[in-house]
Protein backbone atom coordinates (compact mmCIF):
# COMPACT_ATOMS: atom_id res chain seq x y z
CA MET A 1 38.95 36.70 30.11
CA ASN A 2 36.75 34.49 29.08
CA LEU A 3 32.67 33.99 28.30
CA GLU A 4 32.66 32.31 31.33
CA PHE A 5 34.10 34.65 33.04
CA SER A 6 31.68 37.09 31.56
CA VAL A 7 28.46 35.09 32.61
CA ASP A 8 29.85 34.87 36.03
CA LYS A 9 30.14 38.55 36.70
CA LEU A 10 26.68 38.72 34.92
CA TYR A 11 25.31 36.01 37.30
CA GLU A 12 27.29 38.28 40.29
CA THR A 13 24.94 41.59 39.70
CA GLY A 14 22.01 39.34 40.37
CA TRP A 15 21.02 38.40 36.80
CA GLN A 16 19.51 35.26 36.68
CA SER A 17 17.17 33.83 33.37
CA GLU A 18 13.90 32.56 35.00
CA LEU A 19 14.22 30.02 32.33
CA SER A 20 17.23 28.46 33.17
CA ALA A 21 15.51 24.97 34.07
CA ALA A 22 14.10 25.00 30.32
CA PRO A 23 15.17 21.85 28.34
CA SER A 24 15.73 23.98 24.94
CA VAL A 25 17.37 27.17 24.90
CA PRO A 26 14.56 30.19 24.61
CA PRO A 27 15.13 32.81 21.74
CA GLY A 28 17.57 35.29 22.79
CA MET A 29 19.34 33.55 25.11
CA GLU A 30 22.67 31.36 24.50
CA ARG A 31 23.80 28.19 26.89
CA LEU A 32 27.32 27.46 28.32
CA PRO A 33 28.16 24.01 28.13
CA ASP A 34 27.66 24.24 31.74
CA GLY A 35 24.01 24.79 31.64
CA ARG A 36 24.01 28.38 32.53
CA LEU A 37 21.81 30.59 30.08
CA TYR A 38 23.00 34.14 29.20
CA PRO A 39 21.57 36.82 26.59
CA SER A 40 22.41 36.62 23.28
CA VAL A 41 24.66 40.09 21.59
CA LEU A 42 21.28 40.95 20.08
CA LYS A 43 19.19 40.35 23.18
CA ILE A 44 21.98 42.38 25.47
CA GLN A 45 21.83 45.60 22.90
CA GLN A 46 17.77 45.49 23.41
CA ILE A 47 18.01 45.83 26.98
CA PHE A 48 20.59 48.58 26.54
CA ALA A 49 18.36 50.18 24.11
CA GLY A 50 15.39 49.61 27.01
CA GLN A 51 17.34 51.56 29.40
CA GLY A 52 17.98 54.36 26.51
CA HIS A 53 21.48 53.32 26.44
CA GLU A 54 23.24 52.45 22.80
CA LEU A 55 25.71 49.42 22.90
CA ALA A 56 27.91 49.29 20.18
CA ILE A 57 30.40 46.59 19.58
CA ARG A 58 33.62 46.70 17.25
CA TYR A 59 36.73 44.87 16.24
CA VAL A 60 39.95 46.48 17.52
CA GLN A 61 42.55 45.10 15.34
CA LEU A 62 45.50 46.78 16.76
CA PHE A 63 45.12 44.58 19.96
CA GLU A 64 42.86 41.95 18.49
CA CYS A 65 40.04 42.03 20.63
CA TYR A 66 36.35 43.45 20.80
CA ARG A 67 35.53 46.54 22.33
CA ALA A 68 31.89 47.28 23.50
CA SER A 69 30.82 50.36 24.66
CA TRP A 70 27.85 52.22 25.51
CA THR A 71 26.55 55.76 25.61
CA ASP A 72 23.60 57.26 27.42
CA ARG A 73 20.31 59.11 26.49
CA SER A 74 22.22 62.26 25.62
CA GLY A 75 25.07 60.11 23.47
CA ALA A 76 27.46 60.78 26.19
CA PRO A 77 29.99 57.97 26.66
CA ALA A 78 28.85 55.87 29.95
CA GLY A 79 31.48 52.82 29.50
CA ALA A 80 33.22 50.37 28.10
CA VAL A 81 34.88 46.92 28.18
CA VAL A 82 37.00 44.92 26.23
CA GLY A 83 36.62 40.87 25.50
CA SER A 84 37.95 38.15 23.07
CA ASP A 85 35.03 38.07 21.08
CA GLU A 86 31.48 39.89 20.66
CA ARG A 87 29.91 37.69 23.03
CA GLU A 88 32.04 37.86 25.74
CA ALA A 89 32.74 41.92 25.57
CA ALA A 90 28.58 42.02 25.15
CA VAL A 91 28.10 39.88 28.36
CA TYR A 92 30.59 41.82 30.40
CA ALA A 93 29.17 45.08 29.19
CA LEU A 94 26.13 44.17 30.44
CA ALA A 95 27.65 43.10 33.72
CA GLN A 96 29.25 46.06 34.05
CA PHE A 97 26.05 47.93 33.10
CA ARG A 98 23.87 46.49 35.88
CA LYS A 99 26.81 47.10 38.52
CA ASN A 100 26.97 50.72 37.83
CA LEU A 101 23.10 50.82 37.80
CA ALA A 102 23.12 49.31 41.01
CA ALA A 103 25.94 51.63 42.32
CA GLN A 104 23.93 54.77 41.00
CA GLU A 105 20.85 53.47 42.96
CA ALA A 106 22.23 52.85 46.18
CA ALA A 107 24.27 56.52 46.07
CA ALA A 108 20.68 58.00 45.18
CA LYS A 109 19.22 56.36 48.38
CA LEU A 110 21.94 58.33 50.41
């Protein structure tokens, strides 16, 4: 997996930056070489916090990867992903978080 894959997964959830056509990179955003914008690690942590969750990213030396895990409002584990670096793990975590929220919303409508 790589950062581009994580950004692909994020865009598959319907996330798109309204500023993607901006000539410069807006605060809190980063740009891939292909021009697509994605949120920075700090911005992603703020997005999780805004939803009442906490995102933690740590290096796992045994597997030489980064683990991004998040907890819900009560502090209970709500999800986790891995990536080769901090940015990849954070973006993929946001993609999975958004995918899970969409599934929960769909189930609530049934």
